[in-house]
Amino acid sequence: MLCDDCKKRAATIFFKEVLPGKVVELHLCDECASKRGLVMHKKMSPIELLQKLLKERSSQDEKVICPTCCLSLAEFKRRGRFGCSSCVSTFRQYINNLIKKLHQSDRHIGRKPGHGQKRAFEVLRLREELKQALAREAYEEAAEIRDKLRNYGVSDAE
């Protein structure tokens, strides 16, 4: 495929921009791309790109460190064990994301929840939805959720 600008050299850079209502595609040679400011600093194979991304992620994991025992998130991932009780709060976000990924939820409702447990879980779920609706400033939705909570016999103070 030839370069869209010069129509002489082979296109080596394929640029696609999605704009509202249209898609712009450019096929450029290295020279025309550099004239437009679309300079590729170094050509990377997909494997090199993945290695770079993984290295950056692991370096970010090294920055999260427990203040009590100095265990890094990367070391916790490697060992699979906490170093102390403070690690739980330090790595809470990672742990919650992992649990959600594994179990599709971060709430344990038991093996066979009874009627009371179902009600309690529903109240917890509605309270969480209410918080989210208020955070989004969706007050009509929040009022509906509040009314559902009242149907469960939960007052605003609870």
C-alpha atoms as a PDB file:
ATOM      1  CA  MET A   1       0.000   0.000   0.000  1.00  0.00           C
ATOM      2  CA  LEU A   2       1.348   3.428  -0.929  1.00  0.00           C
ATOM      3  CA  CYS A   3       1.627   6.459   1.334  1.00  0.00           C
ATOM      4  CA  ASP A   4      -1.505   8.654   1.256  1.00  0.00           C
ATOM      5  CA  ASP A   5       0.598  11.866   1.239  1.00  0.00           C
ATOM      6  CA  CYS A   6       3.457  11.349  -1.208  1.00  0.00           C
ATOM      7  CA  LYS A   7       1.997   8.410  -3.194  1.00  0.00           C
ATOM      8  CA  LYS A   8       5.605   7.210  -3.791  1.00  0.00           C
ATOM      9  CA  ARG A   9       6.837   5.148  -0.851  1.00  0.00           C
ATOM     10  CA  ALA A  10       5.288   2.149   0.865  1.00  0.00           C
ATOM     11  CA  ALA A  11       3.109   2.965   3.870  1.00  0.00           C
ATOM     12  CA  THR A  12       4.567   1.628   7.110  1.00  0.00           C
ATOM     13  CA  ILE A  13       2.440   3.519   9.633  1.00  0.00           C
ATOM     14  CA  PHE A  14      -1.304   3.032   9.730  1.00  0.00           C
ATOM     15  CA  PHE A  15      -3.131   5.703  11.733  1.00  0.00           C
ATOM     16  CA  LYS A  16      -6.841   5.463  12.532  1.00  0.00           C
ATOM     17  CA  GLU A  17      -8.724   8.260  14.299  1.00  0.00           C
ATOM     18  CA  VAL A  18     -12.332   7.858  15.347  1.00  0.00           C
ATOM     19  CA  LEU A  19     -14.195  11.164  15.416  1.00  0.00           C
ATOM     20  CA  PRO A  20     -17.888  11.746  16.101  1.00  0.00           C
ATOM     21  CA  GLY A  21     -19.669  10.651  12.949  1.00  0.00           C
ATOM     22  CA  LYS A  22     -16.603   9.604  10.944  1.00  0.00           C
ATOM     23  CA  VAL A  23     -13.446   7.520  10.929  1.00  0.00           C
ATOM     24  CA  VAL A  24     -10.235   8.947   9.463  1.00  0.00           C
ATOM     25  CA  GLU A  25      -7.613   6.478   8.240  1.00  0.00           C
ATOM     26  CA  LEU A  26      -4.108   7.479   7.171  1.00  0.00           C
ATOM     27  CA  HIS A  27      -1.509   5.242   5.581  1.00  0.00           C
ATOM     28  CA  LEU A  28       1.867   6.978   5.750  1.00  0.00           C
ATOM     29  CA  CYS A  29       5.502   6.248   5.028  1.00  0.00           C
ATOM     30  CA  ASP A  30       8.086   6.979   7.751  1.00  0.00           C
ATOM     31  CA  GLU A  31       9.132  10.271   6.149  1.00  0.00           C
ATOM     32  CA  CYS A  32       5.604  11.693   5.756  1.00  0.00           C
ATOM     33  CA  ALA A  33       4.665  10.525   9.255  1.00  0.00           C
ATOM     34  CA  SER A  34       7.621  12.393  10.749  1.00  0.00           C
ATOM     35  CA  LYS A  35       6.596  15.530   8.777  1.00  0.00           C
ATOM     36  CA  ARG A  36       3.146  15.291  10.416  1.00  0.00           C
ATOM     37  CA  GLY A  37       4.674  14.741  13.854  1.00  0.00           C
ATOM     38  CA  LEU A  38       3.666  11.085  14.059  1.00  0.00           C
ATOM     39  CA  VAL A  39       7.167   9.888  14.850  1.00  0.00           C
ATOM     40  CA  MET A  40       7.671   6.375  16.131  1.00  0.00           C
ATOM     41  CA  HIS A  41      10.714   6.482  18.389  1.00  0.00           C
ATOM     42  CA  LYS A  42      11.530   2.820  18.123  1.00  0.00           C
ATOM     43  CA  LYS A  43       9.792   0.014  16.344  1.00  0.00           C
ATOM     44  CA  MET A  44       8.804  -2.656  18.840  1.00  0.00           C
ATOM     45  CA  SER A  45       7.629  -6.154  18.289  1.00  0.00           C
ATOM     46  CA  PRO A  46       4.439  -7.128  20.125  1.00  0.00           C
ATOM     47  CA  ILE A  47       6.534  -9.219  22.524  1.00  0.00           C
ATOM     48  CA  GLU A  48       8.765  -6.237  23.372  1.00  0.00           C
ATOM     49  CA  LEU A  49       5.695  -4.084  23.943  1.00  0.00           C
ATOM     50  CA  LEU A  50       4.162  -6.638  26.339  1.00  0.00           C
ATOM     51  CA  GLN A  51       7.461  -7.023  28.189  1.00  0.00           C
ATOM     52  CA  LYS A  52       7.693  -3.254  28.614  1.00  0.00           C
ATOM     53  CA  LEU A  53       4.119  -3.014  29.908  1.00  0.00           C
ATOM     54  CA  LEU A  54       4.655  -5.878  32.367  1.00  0.00           C
ATOM     55  CA  LYS A  55       7.906  -4.345  33.585  1.00  0.00           C
ATOM     56  CA  GLU A  56       6.172  -0.993  34.199  1.00  0.00           C
ATOM     57  CA  ARG A  57       3.388  -2.750  36.093  1.00  0.00           C
ATOM     58  CA  SER A  58       5.814  -4.696  38.280  1.00  0.00           C
ATOM     59  CA  SER A  59       7.743  -1.497  39.042  1.00  0.00           C
ATOM     60  CA  GLN A  60       4.448   0.062  40.184  1.00  0.00           C
ATOM     61  CA  ASP A  61       3.880  -2.970  42.420  1.00  0.00           C
ATOM     62  CA  GLU A  62       7.300  -2.367  43.983  1.00  0.00           C
ATOM     63  CA  LYS A  63       6.168   1.126  45.035  1.00  0.00           C
ATOM     64  CA  VAL A  64       3.285  -0.175  47.209  1.00  0.00           C
ATOM     65  CA  ILE A  65       4.986  -1.174  50.473  1.00  0.00           C
ATOM     66  CA  CYS A  66       3.595  -2.116  53.878  1.00  0.00           C
ATOM     67  CA  PRO A  67       4.814   0.511  56.386  1.00  0.00           C
ATOM     68  CA  THR A  68       5.114  -2.041  59.201  1.00  0.00           C
ATOM     69  CA  CYS A  69       6.999  -4.975  57.673  1.00  0.00           C
ATOM     70  CA  CYS A  70       8.257  -3.343  54.408  1.00  0.00           C
ATOM     71  CA  LEU A  71       6.714  -6.078  52.230  1.00  0.00           C
ATOM     72  CA  SER A  72       6.114  -4.840  48.672  1.00  0.00           C
ATOM     73  CA  LEU A  73       3.015  -5.709  46.664  1.00  0.00           C
ATOM     74  CA  ALA A  74       5.211  -7.489  44.121  1.00  0.00           C
ATOM     75  CA  GLU A  75       6.724  -9.660  46.875  1.00  0.00           C
ATOM     76  CA  PHE A  76       3.253 -10.351  48.313  1.00  0.00           C
ATOM     77  CA  LYS A  77       2.073 -11.500  44.861  1.00  0.00           C
ATOM     78  CA  ARG A  78       5.127 -13.752  44.531  1.00  0.00           C
ATOM     79  CA  ARG A  79       4.897 -15.290  48.038  1.00  0.00           C
ATOM     80  CA  GLY A  80       1.134 -15.320  48.411  1.00  0.00           C
ATOM     81  CA  ARG A  81       1.415 -14.506  52.136  1.00  0.00           C
ATOM     82  CA  PHE A  82       1.143 -11.401  54.255  1.00  0.00           C
ATOM     83  CA  GLY A  83       4.114 -10.241  56.253  1.00  0.00           C
ATOM     84  CA  CYS A  84       2.049  -8.767  59.110  1.00  0.00           C
ATOM     85  CA  SER A  85      -1.488  -7.700  60.001  1.00  0.00           C
ATOM     86  CA  SER A  86      -0.936  -4.225  58.467  1.00  0.00           C
ATOM     87  CA  CYS A  87      -0.468  -5.798  55.027  1.00  0.00           C
ATOM     88  CA  VAL A  88      -4.227  -6.418  54.842  1.00  0.00           C
ATOM     89  CA  SER A  89      -5.036  -2.705  54.953  1.00  0.00           C
ATOM     90  CA  THR A  90      -2.022  -1.743  52.817  1.00  0.00           C
ATOM     91  CA  PHE A  91      -2.921  -4.151  49.990  1.00  0.00           C
ATOM     92  CA  ARG A  92      -6.726  -3.872  50.478  1.00  0.00           C
ATOM     93  CA  GLN A  93      -7.446  -2.487  46.997  1.00  0.00           C
ATOM     94  CA  TYR A  94      -5.470  -5.252  45.264  1.00  0.00           C
ATOM     95  CA  ILE A  95      -7.087  -7.934  47.456  1.00  0.00           C
ATOM     96  CA  ASN A  96     -10.620  -6.617  46.823  1.00  0.00           C
ATOM     97  CA  ASN A  97     -10.008  -6.518  43.062  1.00  0.00           C
ATOM     98  CA  LEU A  98      -8.654 -10.073  43.173  1.00  0.00           C
ATOM     99  CA  ILE A  99     -11.652 -11.351  45.146  1.00  0.00           C
ATOM    100  CA  LYS A 100     -14.091  -9.603  42.785  1.00  0.00           C
ATOM    101  CA  LYS A 101     -12.285 -11.124  39.806  1.00  0.00           C
ATOM    102  CA  LEU A 102     -12.369 -14.633  41.299  1.00  0.00           C
ATOM    103  CA  HIS A 103     -15.875 -14.622  42.821  1.00  0.00           C
ATOM    104  CA  GLN A 104     -17.721 -11.855  40.907  1.00  0.00           C
ATOM    105  CA  SER A 105     -18.424 -10.202  44.277  1.00  0.00           C
ATOM    106  CA  ASP A 106     -16.556  -9.071  47.357  1.00  0.00           C
ATOM    107  CA  ARG A 107     -19.357  -9.978  49.788  1.00  0.00           C
ATOM    108  CA  HIS A 108     -19.713 -13.396  51.372  1.00  0.00           C
ATOM    109  CA  ILE A 109     -23.322 -14.445  51.911  1.00  0.00           C
ATOM    110  CA  GLY A 110     -22.759 -18.024  52.995  1.00  0.00           C
ATOM    111  CA  ARG A 111     -23.307 -21.347  51.348  1.00  0.00           C
ATOM    112  CA  LYS A 112     -27.110 -21.439  51.609  1.00  0.00           C
ATOM    113  CA  PRO A 113     -28.365 -18.112  52.861  1.00  0.00           C
ATOM    114  CA  GLY A 114     -31.621 -18.252  54.774  1.00  0.00           C
ATOM    115  CA  HIS A 115     -34.491 -15.807  54.510  1.00  0.00           C
ATOM    116  CA  GLY A 116     -32.997 -13.410  57.066  1.00  0.00           C
ATOM    117  CA  GLN A 117     -29.654 -13.467  55.314  1.00  0.00           C
ATOM    118  CA  LYS A 118     -31.270 -12.759  51.949  1.00  0.00           C
ATOM    119  CA  ARG A 119     -33.048  -9.771  53.469  1.00  0.00           C
ATOM    120  CA  ALA A 120     -29.855  -8.496  55.094  1.00  0.00           C
ATOM    121  CA  PHE A 121     -27.937  -8.907  51.845  1.00  0.00           C
ATOM    122  CA  GLU A 122     -30.668  -7.071  49.918  1.00  0.00           C
ATOM    123  CA  VAL A 123     -30.577  -4.205  52.447  1.00  0.00           C
ATOM    124  CA  LEU A 124     -26.776  -4.000  52.087  1.00  0.00           C
ATOM    125  CA  ARG A 125     -27.084  -3.996  48.304  1.00  0.00           C
ATOM    126  CA  LEU A 126     -29.739  -1.260  48.363  1.00  0.00           C
ATOM    127  CA  ARG A 127     -27.668   0.877  50.742  1.00  0.00           C
ATOM    128  CA  GLU A 128     -24.698   0.575  48.387  1.00  0.00           C
ATOM    129  CA  GLU A 129     -26.901   1.535  45.417  1.00  0.00           C
ATOM    130  CA  LEU A 130     -28.218   4.500  47.429  1.00  0.00           C
ATOM    131  CA  LYS A 131     -24.669   5.721  48.131  1.00  0.00           C
ATOM    132  CA  GLN A 132     -23.762   5.407  44.454  1.00  0.00           C
ATOM    133  CA  ALA A 133     -26.927   7.222  43.331  1.00  0.00           C
ATOM    134  CA  LEU A 134     -26.247  10.069  45.757  1.00  0.00           C
ATOM    135  CA  ALA A 135     -22.632  10.276  44.585  1.00  0.00           C
ATOM    136  CA  ARG A 136     -23.871  10.564  40.983  1.00  0.00           C
ATOM    137  CA  GLU A 137     -26.445  13.140  42.163  1.00  0.00           C
ATOM    138  CA  ALA A 138     -29.258  10.967  40.769  1.00  0.00           C
ATOM    139  CA  TYR A 139     -31.732  12.084  43.425  1.00  0.00           C
ATOM    140  CA  GLU A 140     -34.871  10.596  41.847  1.00  0.00           C
ATOM    141  CA  GLU A 141     -33.219   7.185  41.687  1.00  0.00           C
ATOM    142  CA  ALA A 142     -31.965   7.658  45.264  1.00  0.00           C
ATOM    143  CA  ALA A 143     -35.515   8.429  46.433  1.00  0.00           C
ATOM    144  CA  GLU A 144     -36.802   5.210  44.841  1.00  0.00           C
ATOM    145  CA  ILE A 145     -34.050   3.213  46.532  1.00  0.00           C
ATOM    146  CA  ARG A 146     -34.800   4.950  49.858  1.00  0.00           C
ATOM    147  CA  ASP A 147     -38.452   3.919  49.502  1.00  0.00           C
ATOM    148  CA  LYS A 148     -37.420   0.308  48.847  1.00  0.00           C
ATOM    149  CA  LEU A 149     -35.304   0.410  52.007  1.00  0.00           C
ATOM    150  CA  ARG A 150     -38.310   1.717  53.966  1.00  0.00           C
ATOM    151  CA  ASN A 151     -40.360  -1.225  52.639  1.00  0.00           C
ATOM    152  CA  TYR A 152     -37.785  -3.486  54.316  1.00  0.00           C
ATOM    153  CA  GLY A 153     -38.396  -1.580  57.548  1.00  0.00           C
ATOM    154  CA  VAL A 154     -35.056   0.224  57.487  1.00  0.00           C
ATOM    155  CA  SER A 155     -35.177   3.807  58.731  1.00  0.00           C
ATOM    156  CA  ASP A 156     -32.944   6.600  57.401  1.00  0.00           C
ATOM    157  CA  ALA A 157     -30.906   6.623  60.628  1.00  0.00           C
ATOM    158  CA  GLU A 158     -29.898   2.984  60.253  1.00  0.00           C
END
